Protein backbone atom coordinates (compact mmCIF):
# COMPACT_ATOMS: atom_id res chain seq x y z
CA UNK A 1 6.98 -8.92 12.63
CA UNK A 2 5.61 -11.18 10.40
CA UNK A 3 7.26 -10.71 7.13
CA UNK A 4 4.36 -11.61 4.47
CA UNK A 5 2.70 -8.36 6.65
CA UNK A 6 5.70 -6.31 5.63
CA UNK A 7 5.53 -7.89 2.20
CA UNK A 8 1.72 -7.01 1.70
CA UNK A 9 2.99 -3.44 3.82
CA UNK A 10 5.38 -2.78 0.27
CA UNK A 11 3.22 -3.76 -2.92
CA UNK A 12 -0.14 -2.35 -0.81
CA UNK A 13 1.91 0.67 -0.02
CA UNK A 14 2.94 1.71 -3.66
CA UNK A 15 -0.46 1.27 -4.79
CA UNK A 16 -2.10 3.34 -2.24
CA UNK A 17 0.66 5.33 -2.54
CA UNK A 18 0.03 5.95 -5.88
CA UNK A 19 -3.58 6.44 -6.30
CA UNK A 20 -3.27 9.53 -3.15
CA UNK A 21 -0.98 11.40 -5.35
CA UNK A 22 -2.83 10.93 -8.49
CA UNK A 23 -4.53 13.38 -7.75
CA UNK A 24 -2.16 16.51 -7.40
CA UNK A 25 0.02 15.53 -10.32
CA UNK A 26 1.98 18.48 -11.76
CA UNK A 27 0.62 20.27 -8.59
CA UNK A 28 2.00 23.10 -6.49
CA UNK A 29 3.56 22.06 -3.10
CA UNK A 30 1.51 21.98 -0.06
CA UNK A 31 -1.04 21.52 -1.90
CA UNK A 32 -2.31 17.89 -0.98
CA UNK A 33 -2.10 19.50 3.00
CA UNK A 34 -3.78 22.29 1.94
CA UNK A 35 -7.23 20.00 0.94
CA UNK A 36 -6.31 18.55 4.25
CA UNK A 37 -4.81 19.59 6.93
CA UNK A 38 -5.79 16.42 9.57
CA UNK A 39 -6.58 13.17 8.88
CA UNK A 40 -9.91 12.69 6.76
CA UNK A 41 -11.56 9.51 8.32
CA UNK A 42 -15.03 9.71 6.82
CA UNK A 43 -17.43 9.36 4.71
CA UNK A 44 -14.85 11.18 2.71
CA UNK A 45 -10.93 10.69 2.82
CA UNK A 46 -8.29 11.88 1.62
CA UNK A 47 -8.41 9.10 -1.89
CA UNK A 48 -10.58 12.11 -2.83
CA UNK A 49 -10.48 11.10 -7.29
CA UNK A 50 -10.49 13.25 -9.63
CA UNK A 51 -7.04 15.65 -11.13
CA UNK A 52 -6.11 16.28 -14.36
CA UNK A 53 -6.86 13.24 -15.37
CA UNK A 54 -9.70 12.76 -13.64
CA UNK A 55 -8.97 9.52 -11.88
CA UNK A 56 -11.27 7.98 -9.33
CA UNK A 57 -10.79 7.92 -5.53
CA UNK A 58 -9.14 4.60 -4.99
CA UNK A 59 -7.51 4.98 -8.64
CA UNK A 60 -3.86 3.29 -8.83
CA UNK A 61 -2.90 5.19 -12.59
CA UNK A 62 0.23 4.14 -14.86
CA UNK A 63 2.24 3.03 -12.40
CA UNK A 64 0.32 0.71 -10.43
CA UNK A 65 -0.03 -0.95 -13.81
CA UNK A 66 2.94 -2.27 -15.04
CA UNK A 67 3.71 -3.25 -11.30
CA UNK A 68 1.37 -5.28 -11.51
CA UNK A 69 2.81 -6.69 -14.97
CA UNK A 70 5.94 -7.57 -13.82
CA UNK A 71 4.61 -9.06 -11.20
CA UNK A 72 2.31 -11.20 -13.23
CA UNK A 73 5.00 -12.47 -15.51
CA UNK A 74 7.84 -13.11 -12.65
CA UNK A 75 4.82 -15.52 -11.42
CA UNK A 76 4.13 -17.11 -14.59
CA UNK A 77 7.62 -17.27 -16.13
CA UNK A 78 8.77 -18.38 -12.95
CA UNK A 79 11.69 -16.36 -13.05
CA UNK A 80 12.49 -13.06 -15.21
CA UNK A 81 11.58 -13.58 -18.86
CA UNK A 82 12.42 -9.55 -20.68
CA UNK A 83 11.11 -11.05 -23.89
CA UNK A 84 7.81 -11.75 -21.84
CA UNK A 85 7.33 -8.56 -19.41
CA UNK A 86 8.53 -6.43 -22.84
CA UNK A 87 5.19 -7.67 -24.83
CA UNK A 88 3.17 -7.08 -21.67
CA UNK A 89 4.35 -3.89 -21.58
CA UNK A 90 3.68 -3.16 -25.46
CA UNK A 91 0.67 -5.02 -25.20
CA UNK A 92 -0.19 -2.19 -22.14
CA UNK A 93 0.75 0.86 -24.90
CA UNK A 94 -0.52 -0.63 -27.30
CA UNK A 95 -4.17 -0.48 -25.16
CA UNK A 96 -3.91 3.44 -25.07
CA UNK A 97 -3.54 3.65 -20.74
CA UNK A 98 -4.94 7.14 -20.15
CA UNK A 99 -1.70 7.73 -18.15
CA UNK A 100 2.06 7.13 -19.45
CA UNK A 101 5.06 8.43 -19.12
CA UNK A 102 6.68 10.32 -22.52
CA UNK A 103 9.46 7.76 -22.42
CA UNK A 104 7.80 4.97 -21.65
CA UNK A 105 5.69 5.39 -24.78
CA UNK A 106 8.44 5.91 -27.49
CA UNK A 107 11.28 3.13 -26.39
CA UNK A 108 7.07 1.02 -26.51
CA UNK A 109 5.49 2.22 -29.74
CA UNK A 110 9.11 1.88 -30.91
CA UNK A 111 8.91 -1.47 -33.31
CA UNK A 112 12.49 -2.36 -31.65
CA UNK A 113 12.91 -5.58 -30.23
CA UNK A 114 13.12 -5.15 -26.61
CA UNK A 115 17.12 -6.01 -26.32
CA UNK A 116 17.37 -2.61 -28.63
CA UNK A 117 14.52 -0.65 -27.98
CA UNK A 118 15.72 1.36 -25.15
CA UNK A 119 19.33 1.80 -26.14
CA UNK A 120 18.28 3.12 -29.57
CA UNK A 121 15.91 5.61 -27.49
CA UNK A 122 19.21 6.80 -25.81
CA UNK A 123 21.27 6.68 -28.68
CA UNK A 124 19.37 8.81 -30.21
CA UNK A 125 19.87 11.78 -28.07
CA UNK A 126 16.92 11.82 -25.55
CA UNK A 127 16.53 12.15 -22.39
CA UNK A 128 15.98 8.57 -20.10
CA UNK A 129 17.13 9.39 -16.51
CA UNK A 130 13.71 9.44 -15.64
CA UNK A 131 11.00 7.89 -12.99
CA UNK A 132 9.31 5.31 -14.70
CA UNK A 133 10.96 2.29 -13.97
CA UNK A 134 11.73 3.07 -10.27
CA UNK A 135 7.74 3.27 -9.77
CA UNK A 136 7.12 -0.20 -11.05
CA UNK A 137 10.38 -1.89 -9.69
CA UNK A 138 8.26 -3.10 -6.25
CA UNK A 139 7.15 -6.28 -7.41
CA UNK A 140 10.52 -7.71 -8.74
CA UNK A 141 12.09 -6.47 -5.78
CA UNK A 142 9.95 -8.00 -3.99
CA UNK A 143 11.05 -11.54 -6.00
CA UNK A 144 14.57 -11.13 -5.56
CA UNK A 145 14.55 -9.80 -2.79
CA UNK A 146 14.98 -13.68 -0.85
CA UNK A 147 18.18 -14.14 -3.70
CA UNK A 148 19.94 -11.82 -2.07
CA UNK A 149 22.25 -8.16 -2.56
CA UNK A 150 23.95 -8.31 -5.86
CA UNK A 151 21.61 -11.07 -7.74
CA UNK A 152 18.41 -9.17 -6.84
CA UNK A 153 20.28 -4.85 -7.77
CA UNK A 154 20.82 -7.24 -10.74
CA UNK A 155 17.60 -7.84 -12.06
CA UNK A 156 16.26 -4.57 -10.89
CA UNK A 157 18.95 -3.04 -13.54
CA UNK A 158 17.82 -5.69 -16.42
CA UNK A 159 13.95 -4.66 -16.06
CA UNK A 160 14.70 -1.21 -15.79
CA UNK A 161 16.73 -1.25 -19.27
CA UNK A 162 13.52 -2.28 -20.49
CA UNK A 163 12.30 0.88 -21.37
CA UNK A 164 15.02 2.92 -19.97
CA UNK A 165 18.54 2.80 -21.32
CA UNK A 166 19.57 5.30 -18.92
CA UNK A 167 22.26 3.68 -16.35
CA UNK A 168 21.21 5.92 -14.01
CA UNK A 169 18.10 4.77 -13.95
CA UNK A 170 19.10 1.21 -13.29
CA UNK A 171 20.95 2.40 -10.61
CA UNK A 172 18.28 3.86 -8.77
CA UNK A 173 16.30 1.04 -9.28
CA UNK A 174 19.14 -0.85 -8.01
CA UNK A 175 19.19 1.13 -4.35
CA UNK A 176 15.61 0.71 -4.11
CA UNK A 177 16.18 -2.74 -4.12
CA UNK A 178 18.63 -2.82 -1.60
CA UNK A 179 16.55 -0.39 0.14
CA UNK A 180 13.51 -2.70 0.67
CA UNK A 181 15.17 -6.23 0.74
CA UNK A 182 16.82 -4.95 3.68
CA UNK A 183 13.34 -2.82 5.19
CA UNK A 184 11.41 -6.77 5.15
CA UNK A 185 13.83 -8.14 6.74
CA UNK A 186 13.82 -5.70 9.74
CA UNK A 187 16.22 -2.89 8.59
CA UNK A 188 17.72 0.69 8.34
CA UNK A 189 17.23 1.94 5.23
CA UNK A 190 20.55 4.00 6.13
CA UNK A 191 22.11 1.70 6.42
CA UNK A 192 20.72 -0.43 3.37
CA UNK A 193 22.38 2.22 0.95
CA UNK A 194 25.61 1.93 3.20
CA UNK A 195 26.72 -1.31 2.04
CA UNK A 196 24.91 -1.35 -1.87
CA UNK A 197 27.32 1.82 -3.22
CA UNK A 198 29.92 0.19 -3.43
CA UNK A 199 28.16 -2.51 -5.86
CA UNK A 200 26.23 1.30 -7.99
CA UNK A 201 28.78 1.54 -11.18
CA UNK A 202 31.42 4.03 -10.57
CA UNK A 203 30.31 6.41 -12.99
CA UNK A 204 27.17 6.94 -11.21
CA UNK A 205 27.88 6.31 -7.54
CA UNK A 206 28.96 10.16 -6.17
CA UNK A 207 25.58 11.46 -7.42
CA UNK A 208 23.46 8.22 -6.25
CA UNK A 209 26.14 8.63 -2.68
CA UNK A 210 25.34 12.89 -2.33
CA UNK A 211 20.69 11.63 -3.62
CA UNK A 212 21.02 9.31 -0.58
CA UNK A 213 23.33 11.30 2.14
CA UNK A 214 21.03 11.38 5.60
CA UNK A 215 21.68 14.94 5.15
CA UNK A 216 19.54 15.54 1.81
CA UNK A 217 16.51 17.15 1.19
CA UNK A 218 14.46 17.17 -1.94
CA UNK A 219 15.15 21.09 -2.18
CA UNK A 220 18.44 20.41 -3.19
CA UNK A 221 17.29 18.34 -5.83
CA UNK A 222 18.98 20.09 -9.05
CA UNK A 223 15.84 18.21 -11.41
CA UNK A 224 12.49 18.30 -11.25
CA UNK A 225 11.43 15.37 -9.22
CA UNK A 226 10.30 13.18 -12.65
CA UNK A 227 13.28 12.24 -12.60
CA UNK A 228 14.60 8.86 -11.32
CA UNK A 229 17.41 10.87 -8.35
CA UNK A 230 15.33 13.42 -6.83
CA UNK A 231 12.64 10.64 -6.30
CA UNK A 232 14.44 7.77 -4.47
CA UNK A 233 15.96 10.18 -2.68
CA UNK A 234 12.63 11.90 -1.42
CA UNK A 235 11.20 8.55 -0.82
CA UNK A 236 14.60 7.55 1.37
CA UNK A 237 14.02 11.63 3.28
CA UNK A 238 10.53 11.09 3.82
CA UNK A 239 11.23 8.23 5.48
CA UNK A 240 13.49 10.22 7.85
CA UNK A 241 11.42 12.38 8.32
CA UNK A 242 8.54 9.74 9.94
CA UNK A 243 7.59 7.16 11.84
CA UNK A 244 4.56 5.85 10.56
CA UNK A 245 2.64 5.70 6.47
CA UNK A 246 0.66 8.25 6.50
CA UNK A 247 3.95 10.62 7.66
CA UNK A 248 5.98 9.44 5.09
CA UNK A 249 3.27 9.78 2.09
CA UNK A 250 1.49 13.27 3.66
CA UNK A 251 5.87 14.71 3.79
CA UNK A 252 5.96 13.66 -0.30
CA UNK A 253 2.79 14.54 -1.87
CA UNK A 254 2.93 17.62 -0.72
CA UNK A 255 6.75 18.08 -2.72
CA UNK A 256 4.48 18.84 -5.68
CA UNK A 257 4.86 17.97 -9.24
CA UNK A 258 4.99 14.28 -9.52
CA UNK A 259 3.44 13.18 -6.95
CA UNK A 260 1.92 9.58 -8.27
CA UNK A 261 5.30 8.61 -8.85
CA UNK A 262 7.28 10.29 -6.09
CA UNK A 263 4.18 8.54 -3.33
CA UNK A 264 4.02 5.13 -4.62
CA UNK A 265 7.90 4.66 -4.59
CA UNK A 266 7.24 6.21 -0.83
CA UNK A 267 4.78 4.05 -0.28
CA UNK A 268 6.76 0.76 -1.26
CA UNK A 269 9.48 1.54 1.25
CA UNK A 270 7.00 2.97 3.96
CA UNK A 271 4.87 -0.22 3.40
CA UNK A 272 7.83 -2.32 3.93
CA UNK A 273 8.72 -0.46 7.22
CA UNK A 274 5.09 -0.05 9.16
CA UNK A 275 3.62 -3.88 7.16
CA UNK A 276 0.02 -4.27 6.23
CA UNK A 277 -0.83 -2.77 9.29
CA UNK A 278 0.72 0.38 9.23
CA UNK A 279 -2.00 1.10 6.28
CA UNK A 280 -4.23 3.24 7.58
CA UNK A 281 -7.59 0.66 6.53
CA UNK A 282 -9.58 4.55 5.24
CA UNK A 283 -6.81 4.23 2.15
CA UNK A 284 -5.72 0.66 1.60
CA UNK A 285 -9.55 -0.67 1.70
CA UNK A 286 -10.32 1.34 -1.65
CA UNK A 287 -7.16 1.02 -3.89
CA UNK A 288 -7.86 -0.56 -7.29
CA UNK A 289 -7.72 -0.57 -11.06
CA UNK A 290 -7.64 -2.15 -14.27
CA UNK A 291 -4.33 -3.09 -16.19
CA UNK A 292 -5.09 -1.75 -20.09
CA UNK A 293 -4.75 -4.47 -22.66
CA UNK A 294 -5.45 -7.41 -19.61
CA UNK A 295 -9.91 -7.24 -19.55
CA UNK A 296 -11.46 -8.64 -17.41
CA UNK A 297 -9.66 -8.27 -14.30
CA UNK A 298 -10.10 -6.00 -11.07
CA UNK A 299 -7.61 -5.54 -8.83
CA UNK A 300 -8.46 -4.75 -4.91
CA UNK A 301 -6.67 -4.75 -2.00
CA UNK A 302 -6.99 -8.38 -1.40
CA UNK A 303 -5.32 -9.33 -5.10
CA UNK A 304 -2.15 -7.12 -4.29
CA UNK A 305 -2.25 -8.88 -1.04
CA UNK A 306 -2.50 -12.08 -2.65
CA UNK A 307 -0.11 -10.85 -5.82
CA UNK A 308 2.69 -10.04 -3.00
CA UNK A 309 3.01 -13.47 -0.63
CA UNK A 310 3.21 -15.05 -3.66
CA UNK A 311 5.83 -13.14 -5.59
CA UNK A 312 7.62 -13.73 -1.39
CA UNK A 313 7.29 -17.14 -2.29
CA UNK A 314 3.97 -18.73 -1.13
CA UNK A 315 1.69 -20.84 -3.36
CA UNK A 316 -1.37 -20.25 -1.31
CA UNK A 317 -4.48 -20.00 -3.69
CA UNK A 318 -6.42 -16.80 -3.51
CA UNK A 319 -8.51 -17.58 -0.17
CA UNK A 320 -12.50 -17.85 -0.53
CA UNK A 321 -14.34 -17.60 2.28
CA UNK A 322 -17.11 -20.46 2.98
CA UNK A 323 -20.39 -19.52 4.07
CA UNK A 324 -21.61 -17.72 7.30
CA UNK A 325 -24.64 -18.39 9.37
CA UNK A 326 -25.81 -14.98 8.12
CA UNK A 327 -26.51 -13.64 10.96
CA UNK A 328 -29.12 -10.42 11.35
CA UNK A 329 -27.10 -7.23 11.93
CA UNK A 330 -27.84 -5.97 16.08
CA UNK A 331 -27.36 -2.86 17.23
CA UNK A 332 -24.63 -3.46 20.27
CA UNK A 333 -24.10 0.38 20.85
CA UNK A 334 -25.51 3.62 19.60
CA UNK A 335 -25.08 3.83 15.79
CA UNK A 336 -22.90 0.58 15.56
CA UNK A 337 -23.87 -3.26 14.30
CA UNK A 338 -22.31 -6.56 14.93
CA UNK A 339 -23.38 -9.12 12.39
CA UNK A 340 -21.12 -12.42 11.14
CA UNK A 341 -19.52 -12.36 7.15
CA UNK A 342 -23.31 -13.42 4.99
CA UNK A 343 -25.03 -11.35 7.22
CA UNK A 344 -22.36 -7.82 6.57
CA UNK A 345 -22.99 -9.08 2.73
CA UNK A 346 -26.55 -9.09 2.73
CA UNK A 347 -26.95 -5.62 4.78
CA UNK A 348 -28.85 -2.59 4.11
CA UNK A 349 -26.76 -0.50 1.22
CA UNK A 350 -26.88 2.00 4.28
CA UNK A 351 -24.50 1.11 6.61
CA UNK A 352 -20.54 1.56 6.55
CA UNK A 353 -19.16 -1.29 6.96
CA UNK A 354 -16.02 -2.56 9.07
CA UNK A 355 -14.94 -6.14 8.03
CA UNK A 356 -11.98 -7.64 10.11
CA UNK A 357 -11.82 -11.28 8.08
CA UNK A 358 -11.11 -11.89 4.60
CA UNK A 359 -14.16 -10.97 2.61
CA UNK A 360 -13.38 -12.54 -0.51
CA UNK A 361 -14.06 -9.31 -2.72
CA UNK A 362 -16.23 -6.17 -1.80
CA UNK A 363 -19.58 -6.20 -0.73
CA UNK A 364 -20.86 -3.64 -2.60
CA UNK A 365 -21.45 -1.04 0.53
CA UNK A 366 -20.41 2.66 -0.98
CA UNK A 367 -18.71 2.33 2.92
CA UNK A 368 -16.21 -0.86 3.40
CA UNK A 369 -13.12 -1.04 5.19
CA UNK A 370 -10.88 -4.31 5.62
CA UNK A 371 -9.24 -4.28 9.22
CA UNK A 372 -5.89 -6.61 8.81
CA UNK A 373 -6.65 -8.66 12.23
CA UNK A 374 -6.05 -12.24 12.15
CA UNK A 375 -8.21 -14.40 14.55
CA UNK A 376 -5.20 -15.95 16.85
CA UNK A 377 -1.98 -14.60 18.55
CA UNK A 378 0.11 -13.38 15.56
CA UNK A 379 -1.50 -9.89 15.36
CA UNK A 380 1.83 -8.26 16.13
CA UNK A 381 0.85 -4.80 15.45
CA UNK A 382 -2.68 -5.03 17.15
CA UNK A 383 -2.72 -1.87 18.92
CA UNK A 384 -2.59 0.21 16.00
CA UNK A 385 -5.31 -1.76 14.13
CA UNK A 386 -7.57 -0.63 17.03
CA UNK A 387 -6.56 2.37 17.05
CA UNK A 388 -7.39 3.04 13.61
CA UNK A 389 -10.39 1.27 13.16
CA UNK A 390 -12.18 2.61 16.09
CA UNK A 391 -10.58 6.34 14.76
CA UNK A 392 -12.15 5.63 11.48
CA UNK A 393 -15.47 4.83 13.24
CA UNK A 394 -15.88 7.71 14.93
CA UNK A 395 -15.41 9.47 11.97
CA UNK A 396 -17.92 7.95 10.24
CA UNK A 397 -20.46 8.46 13.44
CA UNK A 398 -20.14 11.93 12.85
CA UNK A 399 -20.59 11.80 9.54
CA UNK A 400 -24.22 10.52 10.31
CA UNK A 401 -23.30 7.01 8.98
CA UNK A 402 -24.16 3.35 11.04
CA UNK A 403 -21.54 1.66 11.54
CA UNK A 404 -21.95 -2.14 10.84
CA UNK A 405 -18.25 -4.63 12.33
CA UNK A 406 -18.40 -8.05 11.48
CA UNK A 407 -15.33 -11.05 11.19
CA UNK A 408 -16.42 -14.42 9.25
CA UNK A 409 -18.98 -15.77 12.67
CA UNK A 410 -19.22 -12.32 14.39
CA UNK A 411 -16.88 -13.90 17.84
CA UNK A 412 -13.87 -13.15 18.28
CA UNK A 413 -13.03 -10.52 16.12
CA UNK A 414 -15.49 -8.20 16.03
CA UNK A 415 -15.60 -8.73 19.87
CA UNK A 416 -13.31 -7.31 20.07
CA UNK A 417 -13.65 -4.02 18.07
CA UNK A 418 -16.82 -3.69 19.89
CA UNK A 419 -15.90 -4.09 24.06
CA UNK A 420 -12.99 -1.50 22.66
CA UNK A 421 -15.55 0.95 20.99
CA UNK A 422 -17.68 0.74 24.63
CA UNK A 423 -14.42 0.87 26.59
CA UNK A 424 -13.29 4.21 24.51
CA UNK A 425 -16.15 5.83 23.97
CA UNK A 426 -18.32 5.64 26.33
CA UNK A 427 -15.63 4.72 29.60
CA UNK A 428 -17.21 1.37 30.36
CA UNK A 429 -14.13 -0.63 31.53
CA UNK A 430 -12.73 -4.25 29.88
CA UNK A 431 -15.34 -5.92 32.05
CA UNK A 432 -18.17 -4.01 31.56
CA UNK A 433 -17.51 -3.70 28.28
CA UNK A 434 -17.63 -7.58 27.67
CA UNK A 435 -20.94 -7.86 29.80
CA UNK A 436 -22.50 -5.34 28.10
CA UNK A 437 -21.66 -6.57 24.92
CA UNK A 438 -22.43 -10.26 25.83
CA UNK A 439 -26.07 -9.24 26.93
CA UNK A 440 -26.67 -8.09 23.90
CA UNK A 441 -24.46 -10.34 20.74
CA UNK A 442 -24.25 -13.86 22.34
CA UNK A 443 -22.19 -14.81 19.75
CA UNK A 444 -19.37 -12.43 21.26
CA UNK A 445 -16.57 -14.95 22.09
CA UNK A 446 -13.26 -14.03 24.94
CA UNK A 447 -10.92 -17.32 24.39
CA UNK A 448 -8.22 -14.58 22.38
CA UNK A 449 -5.94 -14.07 25.46
CA UNK A 450 -4.19 -11.90 23.18
CA UNK A 451 -7.44 -9.91 22.66
CA UNK A 452 -8.19 -9.80 26.36
CA UNK A 453 -4.76 -7.78 26.43
CA UNK A 454 -5.77 -5.30 23.86
CA UNK A 455 -9.01 -4.78 25.74
CA UNK A 456 -6.56 -4.02 28.80
CA UNK A 457 -4.63 -1.84 27.49
CA UNK A 458 -6.90 -0.16 25.12
CA UNK A 459 -8.48 0.97 28.96
CA UNK A 460 -4.78 1.29 30.44
CA UNK A 461 -4.55 4.20 27.60
CA UNK A 462 -7.52 6.00 27.62
CA UNK A 463 -6.06 7.94 30.60
CA UNK A 464 -8.00 7.00 33.72
CA UNK A 465 -7.35 3.93 34.59
CA UNK A 466 -3.52 3.05 36.42
CA UNK A 467 -0.30 1.12 34.92
């Protein structure tokens, strides 16, 4: 898997976990599965919003707000400037965010400078090993990953100490940094922990070794999961007991308690493991939010993806797609339509839109899904994308919605999904599906050999075609 897929998966995954868990914060165990016993892929999904603070569906909380401040500071200051990070935190806190940790609020509101506020909080006898520094450290973990284990772990401790004066919190962030660094390289989380534990401060090493042990379970925790130890321990536990992003997130949100933060931390690790394509499009497509104190910008999926790759060293500008012909939508199969980018952008608002290319932002339709699919041979997880997209189309059709599929020119990627839909739903052969789409949608392009093979695999996996 391309490293950029994993980097985007980590940052988007953390925001998705945050938004997914927010409505269930402080709730009982099992509440998520009780409400959503199976995948909710139609118009209404598990990104339900609500909760005690009335979040909008897909809206991220203070976890991601603070993470974005860290990420922007690292980029704009060309590295770690603790004074700048702290001042951004303070400006955010003064703007009155709807959700802010008790400890973070006390430290940022103390009036003390960046290098004294958290330490004084501890000296005053307050508890200081919460998970509030762990929840925001994903951008720093991405940024420092290429610097190696020791440099990354050191940066984690320094950023944690801005608000969390208990070194136990900093050691948890350091372990998280190393696990994410290894996952971004395609490695194993438990092996990363084993290699990092000797670098944990001796007075905290035994407890962290217990919490990170492969045999540890959330019910073994000695603190509520608002503390740093069970938060990271639960994230690692979820990785071990899942094979997909969706499975990992369901496990931790069902733990109850501090669901947004535990899911945020888990989402970063599971997203790095699964890559961008492993995050369900029904979740990633709706994640969004603002950062109090920094008006004028709403963060959406594309902004998070762009920030992630820039933290990893890319110098690419935020993509603004060139105009297209604006093809009028055309029905290719019952209830399933095709268009190009600008045709979809200007289409009737009652369409549920499936976007297979970079769009420059949302169109304004109440349902729009963004699938990560490139028009070349670099799609390492193409079957995962197809499975996800086709299942969502089926659910949206079951909800009575017309579904409009598009890519930039409406040619290759659009053609792949339309043909795969006919192969799966109408049980056509790959050849028959190609002929059917070409007869209705002359923009179809079949140049991409990897798409052709993916289509044949959809046909084989249907179960009635010999392999």
